[in-house]
Amino acid sequence: MNTTEDFKQFEALDEEYLPVAKHKLHDWTHFAGLYAAEHVAATEFVIGATFVALGAKTMDIILGLLIGNILAVLSWRFITSPIAVETRLSLYTYLNKIAGDSMTKLYNWANVIIFSVISAAMITVSATAVRFAFDIPAQLNWYPTNVWFILIVLAVGIFVVSIALYGFNAVSEFSGLCAPWLFVMFTSGAMVLLPALSLDVLEKTLPAGWTDIMTLGDQRIWTGINSDGKPGIGLVEVIGFGWAANTITHFGLVDMALLRFAKKKNYAYASSTGMMFGHYVAWIAAGIMGAGAAVILGKSIVELDPGDVAYYALGWSGFVIVIVAGWTTAITNLYRSGLAAQAIFFNHSRKLTTIVVGVVTVVIACFPFVFSQILPLLTYAGLLVVPVGAIVFAEHQLFPRIGYTRYWSSYRKLTFSMPAVASWGLGLAFGFGLNALDVISFFYLFIPTWFFTTVVYTLLASRYGAKQKYPVEAKEEELQNENIERFQEQQAKEEPVISKDVSLFSKGLKFVAISALVATLVLACKVLFGSATETNYIKNRELFYTYAFICTIIYFVLAYWALKRGKTYNPA
């Protein structure tokens, strides 16, 4: 086949099926913004309350979450990133290459369901903020009980689907825009409500030192007693929780879809923006905000929904943070769901499959039970996909090191890989079997399951052809990749050149936008450190509510304006 015919073949394929072109790779800042915004999300309000309900202790939270989230960052760097950067493929495309259509379709259907439900839950969370703002009754049943709530969900869902349609760049840009503001607001919310806790426990507005802070945590937030009045989880469980919260994306390799755009493997360390600020700072801040809001309302923290907590922590900005935090997570997961759906319906574009999946997602979002069950969903979803991640890891990383042939199934033109399907099934039986036997903490089930599946797949693949050499097929694969690279180089020459706007006006917009964030932090510091009495505290808190909302408007207007001015497209 000559090069011209090859190029026509590639032009007929959707770009999602090809390795990411060199000219479409991104630097670390894209991933820092993407992970930051995705993992500083509306679920942080829920998880902050979950640690309270599970009965964690203050020191276990501070130390355990730090260790657990560091382990998660290292998992992205050493498990997910190497495969993503070396192949430039999404997991869905790669899996089809090594396991055939049957296994891939089963797996992709599972991912469509998982990510659609996660996106739906985040849309529902965003809707709770709007519900609170317009005094719509709380949705406590598994089904919606208010027409206005349904209309709000539809409006939020349309926005989420619209952003996800435009692909990775749009998702990344939106996330990067929201991330700095989300950091500031979670931090500010904790500072604003800490005096309310201090007044309740210490009878003064400001803790005097570390001992006072620990007293606040032990008595009002992380007391060590769970919601049933029994001793709660300990340090080991907290570490496991922090590590396992995202097994679906790192050990499960789903984030190959994102990290395939990274120029270097080390860009996976950018996930630390999400883990350290989102899953560490934000979880702790959410616990403080929840406990503070509970004191003000005279309720238990587990009785509050995200809208309640956010409003009493941040005022009108609280509505915005729940909405935006829900959006950022929903958009990223809907993008993943669209990719999985496209891998099933490969004759249709990613945009079309994303629209269809988006419609289903919005319908699911109308049912509040999805949001209330998000944590069990995340943990079981992780256990469901970890065996598949182990299969891909074994094929890509282990096989070349032990003399087996990578892509052997593809070289044999198998549409059904018995080793892959059997290994997935046995891995699930092993993982859920350990769970049923209760021989290991639920949060650590993914580790033995991953190792078990890796060994099983390696043994089975060796019996079905992985030990054999396929020199002819390997050479064809190499030539095919060279043609793809030449095709993409030709495409790069035809695409418009993006030049950055470095004008003083654009710099001024960015400066004022950043100044709005700094002003928000200053206002929060005034509430925390400048409230000598309860009367002063209430006054300063009200001032924060008002001016922080003004700063929020200024930031988003100017930051979006600067973003749009920041790129100029010149014909190639």
Protein backbone atom coordinates (compact mmCIF):
# COMPACT_ATOMS: atom_id res chain seq x y z
CA MET A 1 0.00 0.00 0.00
CA ASN A 2 1.50 3.35 -0.96
CA THR A 3 1.62 6.43 1.23
CA THR A 4 -1.23 8.28 -0.56
CA GLU A 5 -3.60 5.39 0.02
CA ASP A 6 -2.45 5.20 3.65
CA PHE A 7 -3.25 8.88 4.11
CA LYS A 8 -6.75 8.38 2.73
CA GLN A 9 -7.23 5.51 5.15
CA PHE A 10 -6.21 7.72 8.09
CA GLU A 11 -8.40 10.61 6.90
CA ALA A 12 -11.41 8.27 7.02
CA LEU A 13 -10.70 7.46 10.68
CA ASP A 14 -11.75 9.63 13.59
CA GLU A 15 -8.63 11.14 15.16
CA GLU A 16 -9.50 9.46 18.48
CA TYR A 17 -8.43 6.13 16.93
CA LEU A 18 -4.97 7.42 16.02
CA PRO A 19 -2.06 8.21 18.33
CA VAL A 20 -2.07 11.85 19.40
CA ALA A 21 -0.07 13.95 16.92
CA LYS A 22 3.07 15.70 18.15
CA HIS A 23 1.68 19.15 17.35
CA LYS A 24 -1.32 18.48 19.61
CA LEU A 25 0.68 17.68 22.75
CA HIS A 26 0.40 19.94 25.80
CA ASP A 27 2.76 21.18 28.47
CA TRP A 28 2.38 20.50 32.19
CA THR A 29 0.24 23.58 32.88
CA HIS A 30 -2.67 22.07 30.95
CA PHE A 31 -2.64 19.00 33.15
CA ALA A 32 -2.14 21.00 36.33
CA GLY A 33 -5.29 22.95 35.54
CA LEU A 34 -7.21 19.90 34.38
CA TYR A 35 -6.47 17.78 37.45
CA ALA A 36 -6.92 20.72 39.79
CA ALA A 37 -10.37 21.57 38.53
CA GLU A 38 -11.56 17.98 38.21
CA HIS A 39 -10.49 17.03 41.72
CA VAL A 40 -11.53 20.23 43.45
CA ALA A 41 -15.13 19.27 42.89
CA ALA A 42 -18.57 19.29 44.41
CA THR A 43 -17.95 15.80 45.76
CA GLU A 44 -15.37 17.29 48.13
CA PHE A 45 -18.27 18.64 50.21
CA VAL A 46 -19.69 15.12 50.40
CA ILE A 47 -16.38 13.41 51.15
CA GLY A 48 -15.54 16.03 53.79
CA ALA A 49 -18.70 14.99 55.61
CA THR A 50 -18.00 11.30 54.96
CA PHE A 51 -14.81 11.34 57.02
CA VAL A 52 -16.84 12.81 59.86
CA ALA A 53 -19.49 10.11 59.50
CA LEU A 54 -16.81 7.38 59.33
CA GLY A 55 -15.34 8.59 62.60
CA ALA A 56 -11.80 9.48 61.55
CA LYS A 57 -9.53 11.29 64.02
CA THR A 58 -7.98 14.69 63.34
CA MET A 59 -4.35 13.55 63.18
CA ASP A 60 -5.30 10.54 61.05
CA ILE A 61 -6.93 12.91 58.57
CA ILE A 62 -3.97 15.27 58.43
CA LEU A 63 -1.33 12.56 58.04
CA GLY A 64 -3.33 9.82 56.34
CA LEU A 65 -4.67 11.96 53.51
CA LEU A 66 -1.21 13.35 52.85
CA ILE A 67 0.29 9.86 52.45
CA GLY A 68 -2.67 8.47 50.50
CA ASN A 69 -2.70 11.30 47.99
CA ILE A 70 1.06 11.14 47.46
CA LEU A 71 0.62 7.44 46.64
CA ALA A 72 -2.11 8.38 44.14
CA VAL A 73 0.19 10.89 42.39
CA LEU A 74 2.93 8.27 42.16
CA SER A 75 0.41 5.81 40.69
CA TRP A 76 -0.41 8.23 37.87
CA ARG A 77 3.28 8.81 37.22
CA PHE A 78 4.51 5.21 37.24
CA ILE A 79 1.42 3.20 36.24
CA THR A 80 -0.62 5.36 33.85
CA SER A 81 1.71 7.94 32.35
CA PRO A 82 4.37 5.66 30.83
CA ILE A 83 1.81 3.67 28.83
CA ALA A 84 -0.14 6.78 27.79
CA VAL A 85 2.93 8.72 26.60
CA GLU A 86 4.56 5.75 24.83
CA THR A 87 1.42 4.77 22.90
CA ARG A 88 -0.41 8.13 22.62
CA LEU A 89 -3.64 6.10 22.68
CA SER A 90 -6.65 6.13 24.96
CA LEU A 91 -7.27 2.99 27.01
CA TYR A 92 -10.30 2.21 24.85
CA THR A 93 -8.27 2.15 21.63
CA TYR A 94 -5.33 0.32 23.21
CA LEU A 95 -7.55 -2.33 24.75
CA ASN A 96 -9.13 -3.06 21.38
CA LYS A 97 -5.64 -3.61 20.02
CA ILE A 98 -4.67 -6.23 22.61
CA ALA A 99 -7.98 -7.85 23.57
CA GLY A 100 -10.22 -7.70 20.52
CA ASP A 101 -13.69 -6.30 19.92
CA SER A 102 -15.65 -8.50 22.33
CA MET A 103 -13.64 -7.65 25.44
CA THR A 104 -13.39 -4.00 24.45
CA LYS A 105 -17.12 -3.61 23.95
CA LEU A 106 -17.88 -5.15 27.33
CA TYR A 107 -15.36 -2.88 29.01
CA ASN A 108 -16.48 0.21 27.15
CA TRP A 109 -20.11 -0.41 28.05
CA ALA A 110 -19.02 -0.60 31.69
CA ASN A 111 -17.18 2.72 31.32
CA VAL A 112 -20.09 4.42 29.57
CA ILE A 113 -22.32 3.48 32.50
CA ILE A 114 -19.78 4.38 35.21
CA PHE A 115 -18.78 7.76 33.81
CA SER A 116 -22.32 8.69 32.81
CA VAL A 117 -23.53 8.06 36.35
CA ILE A 118 -20.60 10.00 37.86
CA SER A 119 -21.34 12.90 35.50
CA ALA A 120 -25.02 12.69 36.37
CA ALA A 121 -24.22 12.84 40.08
CA MET A 122 -22.12 15.97 39.56
CA ILE A 123 -24.87 17.63 37.55
CA THR A 124 -27.27 16.84 40.40
CA VAL A 125 -24.83 18.37 42.90
CA SER A 126 -24.66 21.55 40.83
CA ALA A 127 -28.44 21.62 40.73
CA THR A 128 -28.61 21.48 44.55
CA ALA A 129 -26.94 24.90 44.71
CA VAL A 130 -29.43 26.43 42.30
CA ARG A 131 -32.21 24.66 44.19
CA PHE A 132 -31.07 26.28 47.42
CA ALA A 133 -30.82 29.74 45.80
CA PHE A 134 -34.40 29.63 44.52
CA ASP A 135 -35.86 28.01 47.64
CA ILE A 136 -36.83 24.82 45.83
CA PRO A 137 -37.47 21.98 48.32
CA ALA A 138 -34.64 19.53 48.97
CA GLN A 139 -34.92 16.36 46.89
CA LEU A 140 -34.82 13.62 49.52
CA ASN A 141 -36.46 10.79 47.56
CA TRP A 142 -34.82 8.63 44.92
CA TYR A 143 -37.02 10.36 42.32
CA PRO A 144 -37.53 14.12 41.65
CA THR A 145 -40.51 15.75 43.36
CA ASN A 146 -40.33 19.22 41.86
CA VAL A 147 -40.67 20.28 38.21
CA TRP A 148 -38.38 23.28 38.73
CA PHE A 149 -35.63 21.00 39.99
CA ILE A 150 -35.89 18.97 36.77
CA LEU A 151 -35.67 22.15 34.68
CA ILE A 152 -32.56 23.23 36.61
CA VAL A 153 -30.94 19.85 36.01
CA LEU A 154 -31.71 20.14 32.30
CA ALA A 155 -30.15 23.62 32.12
CA VAL A 156 -27.00 22.56 33.95
CA GLY A 157 -26.76 19.39 31.88
CA ILE A 158 -27.00 21.24 28.56
CA PHE A 159 -24.03 23.39 29.56
CA VAL A 160 -21.96 20.36 30.61
CA VAL A 161 -22.66 18.49 27.38
CA SER A 162 -21.87 21.58 25.30
CA ILE A 163 -18.38 21.95 26.79
CA ALA A 164 -17.61 18.21 26.57
CA LEU A 165 -18.50 18.22 22.87
CA TYR A 166 -15.50 20.35 21.99
CA GLY A 167 -13.00 17.75 23.17
CA PHE A 168 -9.86 17.78 25.27
CA ASN A 169 -8.81 21.37 24.56
CA ALA A 170 -12.14 22.81 25.64
CA VAL A 171 -12.22 20.63 28.75
CA SER A 172 -8.67 21.66 29.62
CA GLU A 173 -9.28 25.38 29.07
CA PHE A 174 -12.48 25.41 31.11
CA SER A 175 -10.79 23.50 33.92
CA GLY A 176 -7.75 25.78 33.86
CA LEU A 177 -10.00 28.81 34.12
CA CYS A 178 -11.86 27.46 37.14
CA ALA A 179 -8.98 25.87 39.05
CA PRO A 180 -7.37 28.98 40.67
CA TRP A 181 -10.74 30.27 41.81
CA LEU A 182 -11.73 26.88 43.26
CA PHE A 183 -8.51 26.75 45.28
CA VAL A 184 -9.14 30.20 46.71
CA MET A 185 -12.79 29.56 47.57
CA PHE A 186 -12.26 26.25 49.36
CA THR A 187 -9.46 27.79 51.41
CA SER A 188 -11.48 30.93 52.11
CA GLY A 189 -14.56 28.96 53.15
CA ALA A 190 -12.58 27.13 55.82
CA MET A 191 -11.17 30.41 57.15
CA VAL A 192 -14.61 32.02 57.23
CA LEU A 193 -16.27 29.25 59.27
CA LEU A 194 -13.37 28.34 61.55
CA PRO A 195 -14.30 31.20 63.97
CA ALA A 196 -17.84 29.80 64.28
CA LEU A 197 -16.36 26.48 65.41
CA SER A 198 -13.90 28.20 67.71
CA LEU A 199 -16.68 30.21 69.37
CA ASP A 200 -18.69 27.06 69.93
CA VAL A 201 -15.84 24.98 71.40
CA LEU A 202 -13.27 27.42 72.75
CA GLU A 203 -15.53 30.45 73.36
CA LYS A 204 -13.17 32.65 71.36
CA THR A 205 -13.02 33.52 67.67
CA LEU A 206 -9.47 32.43 66.95
CA PRO A 207 -7.62 29.26 68.03
CA ALA A 208 -4.48 30.25 69.92
CA GLY A 209 -2.27 27.57 68.38
CA TRP A 210 -1.87 23.99 67.24
CA THR A 211 -3.31 22.60 70.47
CA ASP A 212 -6.51 24.62 70.05
CA ILE A 213 -6.83 23.54 66.42
CA MET A 214 -6.49 19.88 67.41
CA THR A 215 -9.09 20.42 70.14
CA LEU A 216 -11.51 21.88 67.58
CA GLY A 217 -10.96 18.97 65.25
CA ASP A 218 -11.25 16.28 67.92
CA GLN A 219 -14.39 17.75 69.52
CA ARG A 220 -16.39 19.06 66.56
CA ILE A 221 -15.11 17.61 63.28
CA TRP A 222 -13.04 14.42 63.28
CA THR A 223 -14.00 13.04 66.66
CA GLY A 224 -12.99 9.40 66.20
CA ILE A 225 -16.62 8.30 66.68
CA ASN A 226 -18.70 7.34 63.65
CA SER A 227 -22.35 8.16 62.95
CA ASP A 228 -23.42 4.99 64.82
CA GLY A 229 -21.61 6.08 67.97
CA LYS A 230 -18.83 3.51 67.57
CA PRO A 231 -15.04 3.94 67.13
CA GLY A 232 -14.32 5.00 63.58
CA ILE A 233 -11.68 4.35 60.93
CA GLY A 234 -7.97 4.76 61.65
CA LEU A 235 -4.83 5.97 59.88
CA VAL A 236 -4.45 2.92 57.62
CA GLU A 237 -8.03 3.26 56.34
CA VAL A 238 -7.62 6.99 55.70
CA ILE A 239 -4.45 6.35 53.68
CA GLY A 240 -6.30 3.68 51.70
CA PHE A 241 -9.25 5.97 51.10
CA GLY A 242 -6.98 8.71 49.72
CA TRP A 243 -5.14 6.26 47.48
CA ALA A 244 -8.15 4.26 46.31
CA ALA A 245 -10.43 7.21 45.54
CA ASN A 246 -9.12 7.38 41.98
CA THR A 247 -8.09 3.80 41.24
CA ILE A 248 -10.40 3.88 38.24
CA THR A 249 -8.18 6.51 36.60
CA HIS A 250 -4.63 5.54 37.64
CA PHE A 251 -4.43 1.77 38.34
CA GLY A 252 -7.44 1.35 36.04
CA LEU A 253 -5.59 3.39 33.35
CA VAL A 254 -8.66 5.37 32.32
CA ASP A 255 -6.58 8.57 32.43
CA MET A 256 -4.60 7.36 29.45
CA ALA A 257 -7.29 9.37 27.63
CA LEU A 258 -5.88 12.56 29.20
CA LEU A 259 -2.18 11.81 29.66
CA ARG A 260 -1.73 10.69 26.04
CA PHE A 261 -1.59 14.43 25.31
CA ALA A 262 1.36 14.97 27.70
CA LYS A 263 4.73 15.84 26.19
CA LYS A 264 6.58 14.02 28.96
CA LYS A 265 5.81 11.22 31.41
CA ASN A 266 6.72 13.48 34.32
CA TYR A 267 3.72 15.68 33.52
CA ALA A 268 1.70 13.11 35.45
CA TYR A 269 3.10 14.78 38.56
CA ALA A 270 0.72 17.62 37.67
CA SER A 271 -1.98 15.40 39.16
CA SER A 272 -0.63 16.64 42.50
CA THR A 273 -2.59 19.86 41.99
CA GLY A 274 -5.74 17.80 42.22
CA MET A 275 -4.55 15.48 44.95
CA MET A 276 -2.78 17.96 47.26
CA PHE A 277 -5.20 20.85 46.85
CA GLY A 278 -8.36 18.95 45.94
CA HIS A 279 -8.21 15.70 47.85
CA TYR A 280 -6.09 17.04 50.69
CA VAL A 281 -6.74 20.72 51.30
CA ALA A 282 -10.30 20.65 49.95
CA TRP A 283 -11.34 17.55 51.92
CA ILE A 284 -10.00 19.08 55.11
CA ALA A 285 -11.53 22.48 54.27
CA ALA A 286 -14.86 20.81 53.45
CA GLY A 287 -14.85 19.13 56.86
CA ILE A 288 -14.26 22.49 58.56
CA MET A 289 -16.93 24.19 56.44
CA GLY A 290 -19.42 21.42 57.09
CA ALA A 291 -18.81 21.48 60.84
CA GLY A 292 -19.04 25.29 60.89
CA ALA A 293 -22.29 25.32 58.92
CA ALA A 294 -23.68 22.62 61.23
CA VAL A 295 -22.92 24.83 64.26
CA ILE A 296 -24.64 27.83 62.70
CA LEU A 297 -27.70 25.79 61.67
CA GLY A 298 -27.79 23.63 64.80
CA LYS A 299 -27.71 20.42 62.76
CA SER A 300 -25.40 17.46 62.29
CA ILE A 301 -22.91 17.74 59.43
CA VAL A 302 -24.28 14.57 57.80
CA GLU A 303 -27.72 16.24 57.48
CA LEU A 304 -26.43 19.03 55.23
CA ASP A 305 -26.22 18.99 51.45
CA PRO A 306 -23.49 20.84 49.48
CA GLY A 307 -25.75 23.85 48.90
CA ASP A 308 -26.25 24.36 52.65
CA VAL A 309 -22.54 24.11 53.46
CA ALA A 310 -21.38 26.29 50.58
CA TYR A 311 -23.87 29.08 51.30
CA TYR A 312 -22.94 29.49 54.98
CA ALA A 313 -19.23 29.32 54.11
CA LEU A 314 -19.17 31.58 51.07
CA GLY A 315 -22.53 33.31 50.63
CA TRP A 316 -23.60 33.71 47.02
CA SER A 317 -20.14 32.59 45.91
CA GLY A 318 -21.04 29.28 47.55
CA PHE A 319 -23.74 28.72 44.96
CA VAL A 320 -21.19 29.38 42.25
CA ILE A 321 -18.58 27.01 43.71
CA VAL A 322 -21.00 24.09 43.93
CA ILE A 323 -22.16 24.72 40.37
CA VAL A 324 -18.66 25.18 38.94
CA ALA A 325 -17.14 22.33 40.95
CA GLY A 326 -19.90 20.04 39.73
CA TRP A 327 -19.39 21.19 36.15
CA THR A 328 -15.64 20.59 36.06
CA THR A 329 -15.96 16.98 37.21
CA ALA A 330 -19.06 16.27 35.12
CA ILE A 331 -17.48 17.63 31.94
CA THR A 332 -14.29 15.57 32.28
CA ASN A 333 -16.19 12.36 32.99
CA LEU A 334 -18.67 12.98 30.20
CA TYR A 335 -15.72 13.42 27.83
CA ARG A 336 -14.41 10.01 28.98
CA SER A 337 -17.86 8.49 28.58
CA GLY A 338 -18.12 9.86 25.05
CA LEU A 339 -14.76 8.29 24.18
CA ALA A 340 -15.92 4.92 25.51
CA ALA A 341 -19.19 5.16 23.59
CA GLN A 342 -17.36 6.05 20.40
CA ALA A 343 -15.16 2.98 20.80
CA ILE A 344 -18.39 0.92 20.76
CA PHE A 345 -20.12 2.80 17.93
CA PHE A 346 -16.96 3.42 15.93
CA ASN A 347 -18.87 4.43 12.79
CA HIS A 348 -20.03 7.59 14.56
CA SER A 349 -18.06 10.63 15.64
CA ARG A 350 -17.12 11.35 19.24
CA LYS A 351 -19.37 14.41 19.20
CA LEU A 352 -22.42 12.38 18.24
CA THR A 353 -21.76 9.69 20.83
CA THR A 354 -21.14 12.39 23.47
CA ILE A 355 -24.49 14.00 22.65
CA VAL A 356 -26.33 10.68 23.00
CA VAL A 357 -24.51 9.79 26.22
CA GLY A 358 -25.10 13.34 27.44
CA VAL A 359 -28.85 13.07 26.96
CA VAL A 360 -28.94 9.84 28.96
CA THR A 361 -26.72 11.40 31.63
CA VAL A 362 -29.00 14.40 32.06
CA VAL A 363 -32.02 12.12 32.44
CA ILE A 364 -30.18 10.13 35.14
CA ALA A 365 -29.21 13.39 36.88
CA CYS A 366 -32.88 14.14 37.50
CA PHE A 367 -32.93 11.31 40.05
CA PRO A 368 -31.27 12.41 43.32
CA PHE A 369 -30.45 8.88 44.49
CA VAL A 370 -27.48 8.86 42.10
CA PHE A 371 -25.78 11.62 44.04
CA SER A 372 -26.46 10.05 47.42
CA GLN A 373 -24.80 6.78 46.29
CA ILE A 374 -21.75 8.35 44.61
CA LEU A 375 -19.16 7.06 47.10
CA PRO A 376 -20.12 3.35 46.86
CA LEU A 377 -20.24 3.81 43.10
CA LEU A 378 -16.69 5.21 42.96
CA THR A 379 -15.20 2.46 45.11
CA TYR A 380 -16.91 -0.42 43.30
CA ALA A 381 -16.21 1.17 39.91
CA GLY A 382 -12.52 1.22 40.78
CA LEU A 383 -12.55 -2.46 41.67
CA LEU A 384 -14.40 -3.21 38.43
CA VAL A 385 -11.81 -1.64 36.11
CA VAL A 386 -8.57 -2.36 37.99
CA PRO A 387 -8.26 -5.89 36.47
CA VAL A 388 -8.42 -4.35 32.99
CA GLY A 389 -5.69 -1.90 33.94
CA ALA A 390 -3.60 -4.86 35.10
CA ILE A 391 -4.10 -6.63 31.76
CA VAL A 392 -2.92 -3.59 29.80
CA PHE A 393 0.01 -3.04 32.19
CA ALA A 394 1.12 -6.66 31.79
CA GLU A 395 0.90 -6.48 28.00
CA HIS A 396 2.73 -3.19 27.64
CA GLN A 397 5.29 -3.20 30.45
CA LEU A 398 5.82 -6.81 31.48
CA PHE A 399 5.69 -8.73 28.20
CA PRO A 400 8.71 -7.07 26.51
CA ARG A 401 10.77 -7.66 29.66
CA ILE A 402 10.11 -11.42 29.79
CA GLY A 403 10.45 -12.07 26.07
CA TYR A 404 6.73 -12.15 25.21
CA THR A 405 5.30 -10.33 22.19
CA ARG A 406 3.31 -7.16 22.75
CA TYR A 407 0.14 -6.94 20.59
CA TRP A 408 0.26 -10.70 19.89
CA SER A 409 -3.54 -10.87 19.80
CA SER A 410 -3.69 -8.14 17.17
CA TYR A 411 -0.97 -9.85 15.12
CA ARG A 412 -3.03 -13.06 15.18
CA LYS A 413 -6.09 -11.00 14.14
CA LEU A 414 -8.16 -12.33 17.04
CA THR A 415 -11.49 -10.61 17.66
CA PHE A 416 -11.91 -12.41 20.96
CA SER A 417 -9.07 -12.77 23.47
CA MET A 418 -9.79 -15.61 25.87
CA PRO A 419 -6.84 -14.68 28.16
CA ALA A 420 -8.11 -11.10 28.52
CA VAL A 421 -11.76 -11.96 29.11
CA ALA A 422 -10.94 -14.82 31.49
CA SER A 423 -8.41 -12.70 33.42
CA TRP A 424 -10.93 -9.88 33.85
CA GLY A 425 -13.57 -12.31 35.10
CA LEU A 426 -11.17 -14.08 37.45
CA GLY A 427 -9.85 -10.74 38.70
CA LEU A 428 -13.38 -9.57 39.52
CA ALA A 429 -14.16 -12.85 41.27
CA PHE A 430 -10.93 -12.55 43.26
CA GLY A 431 -11.48 -8.91 44.26
CA PHE A 432 -15.13 -9.19 45.19
CA GLY A 433 -14.41 -12.53 46.84
CA LEU A 434 -11.86 -10.88 49.12
CA ASN A 435 -14.46 -8.23 49.86
CA ALA A 436 -17.05 -10.86 50.80
CA LEU A 437 -14.58 -12.68 53.02
CA ASP A 438 -13.59 -9.37 54.64
CA VAL A 439 -9.95 -10.45 54.91
CA ILE A 440 -8.56 -7.07 53.85
CA SER A 441 -9.72 -3.47 54.17
CA PHE A 442 -12.05 -2.54 51.34
CA PHE A 443 -9.87 0.45 50.45
CA TYR A 444 -6.92 -1.83 49.62
CA LEU A 445 -8.71 -4.50 47.60
CA PHE A 446 -7.43 -3.02 44.34
CA ILE A 447 -3.80 -3.91 45.16
CA PRO A 448 -4.04 -7.74 45.44
CA THR A 449 -6.64 -7.73 42.64
CA TRP A 450 -4.23 -5.88 40.34
CA PHE A 451 -1.32 -8.23 41.06
CA PHE A 452 -3.53 -11.32 40.78
CA THR A 453 -4.88 -10.29 37.39
CA THR A 454 -1.41 -9.39 36.10
CA VAL A 455 -0.12 -12.88 36.91
CA VAL A 456 -3.22 -14.67 35.57
CA TYR A 457 -3.18 -12.76 32.27
CA THR A 458 0.55 -13.37 31.77
CA LEU A 459 0.11 -17.12 32.33
CA LEU A 460 -2.94 -17.43 30.08
CA ALA A 461 -1.48 -15.27 27.31
CA SER A 462 1.62 -17.45 27.25
CA ARG A 463 -0.58 -20.45 26.37
CA TYR A 464 -2.47 -18.60 23.60
CA GLY A 465 0.40 -17.15 21.57
CA ALA A 466 2.14 -14.37 23.51
CA LYS A 467 5.39 -16.40 23.67
CA GLN A 468 5.63 -16.58 19.87
CA LYS A 469 7.44 -14.07 17.64
CA TYR A 470 5.65 -12.25 14.83
CA PRO A 471 8.40 -10.50 12.84
CA VAL A 472 6.32 -9.84 9.72
CA GLU A 473 3.38 -8.38 11.62
CA ALA A 474 5.71 -6.34 13.85
CA LYS A 475 7.36 -4.83 10.78
CA GLU A 476 3.96 -3.94 9.30
CA GLU A 477 3.06 -2.30 12.61
CA GLU A 478 6.24 -0.24 12.51
CA LEU A 479 5.60 0.91 8.93
CA GLN A 480 2.01 1.76 9.81
CA ASN A 481 3.16 3.96 12.69
CA GLU A 482 5.67 5.72 10.44
CA ASN A 483 2.91 6.47 7.91
CA ILE A 484 0.65 7.79 10.67
CA GLU A 485 3.43 10.11 11.82
CA ARG A 486 3.98 11.42 8.28
CA PHE A 487 0.23 11.90 7.86
CA GLN A 488 0.06 13.89 11.08
CA GLU A 489 3.07 16.00 10.09
CA GLN A 490 1.25 16.90 6.89
CA GLN A 491 -1.86 17.79 8.88
CA ALA A 492 0.18 20.00 11.18
CA LYS A 493 1.39 22.06 8.21
CA GLU A 494 -2.20 22.64 7.10
CA GLU A 495 -3.54 23.69 10.51
CA PRO A 496 -3.64 27.32 11.63
CA VAL A 497 -0.81 28.56 13.81
CA ILE A 498 -1.75 29.69 17.31
CA SER A 499 0.07 32.75 18.57
CA LYS A 500 -0.26 34.13 22.08
CA ASP A 501 -1.49 37.63 22.77
CA VAL A 502 1.18 39.39 24.84
CA SER A 503 -0.35 42.85 24.70
CA LEU A 504 -0.41 45.11 27.76
CA PHE A 505 -4.22 45.02 27.73
CA SER A 506 -4.33 41.22 28.04
CA LYS A 507 -1.69 41.32 30.77
CA GLY A 508 -3.81 43.92 32.54
CA LEU A 509 -6.88 41.69 32.37
CA LYS A 510 -4.95 38.80 33.92
CA PHE A 511 -3.49 41.07 36.62
CA VAL A 512 -6.91 42.35 37.68
CA ALA A 513 -8.38 38.82 37.61
CA ILE A 514 -5.60 37.53 39.86
CA SER A 515 -6.00 40.59 42.10
CA ALA A 516 -9.65 39.62 42.58
CA LEU A 517 -8.54 36.23 43.90
CA VAL A 518 -5.98 37.84 46.21
CA ALA A 519 -8.66 40.24 47.47
CA THR A 520 -10.90 37.26 48.28
CA LEU A 521 -8.16 35.68 50.37
CA VAL A 522 -7.53 39.00 52.14
CA LEU A 523 -11.24 39.25 52.99
CA ALA A 524 -11.21 35.69 54.35
CA CYS A 525 -8.11 36.46 56.43
CA LYS A 526 -9.89 39.47 57.87
CA VAL A 527 -12.77 37.23 58.98
CA LEU A 528 -10.38 34.75 60.59
CA PHE A 529 -7.82 37.08 62.14
CA GLY A 530 -9.75 40.35 62.46
CA SER A 531 -12.81 39.22 64.41
CA ALA A 532 -12.10 39.94 68.07
CA THR A 533 -15.71 39.36 69.16
CA GLU A 534 -18.70 37.41 67.92
CA THR A 535 -20.31 40.67 66.75
CA ASN A 536 -17.22 41.56 64.72
CA TYR A 537 -17.13 38.06 63.32
CA ILE A 538 -20.72 38.20 62.04
CA LYS A 539 -20.09 41.65 60.53
CA ASN A 540 -16.87 40.57 58.80
CA ARG A 541 -18.50 37.39 57.55
CA GLU A 542 -21.32 39.36 55.93
CA LEU A 543 -18.78 41.70 54.31
CA PHE A 544 -16.95 38.66 52.95
CA TYR A 545 -20.16 37.25 51.49
CA THR A 546 -20.81 40.49 49.59
CA TYR A 547 -17.36 41.41 48.32
CA ALA A 548 -16.18 37.85 47.66
CA PHE A 549 -19.15 37.47 45.29
CA ILE A 550 -18.17 40.70 43.51
CA CYS A 551 -14.60 39.39 43.22
CA THR A 552 -15.94 36.14 41.81
CA ILE A 553 -17.80 37.98 39.05
CA ILE A 554 -14.74 40.11 38.27
CA TYR A 555 -12.47 37.07 38.12
CA PHE A 556 -14.60 35.01 35.74
CA VAL A 557 -15.41 37.90 33.41
CA LEU A 558 -11.81 39.09 33.10
CA ALA A 559 -10.19 35.64 33.12
CA TYR A 560 -12.52 34.46 30.34
CA TRP A 561 -11.88 37.66 28.38
CA ALA A 562 -8.13 37.17 28.74
CA LEU A 563 -8.44 33.53 27.69
CA LYS A 564 -10.28 34.46 24.51
CA ARG A 565 -7.79 37.22 23.70
CA GLY A 566 -4.88 34.93 24.48
CA LYS A 567 -5.04 33.02 21.21
CA THR A 568 -4.85 34.25 17.67
CA TYR A 569 -5.30 31.80 14.80
CA ASN A 570 -3.23 32.53 11.72
CA PRO A 571 -3.66 30.50 8.51
CA ALA A 572 -0.83 28.07 7.93
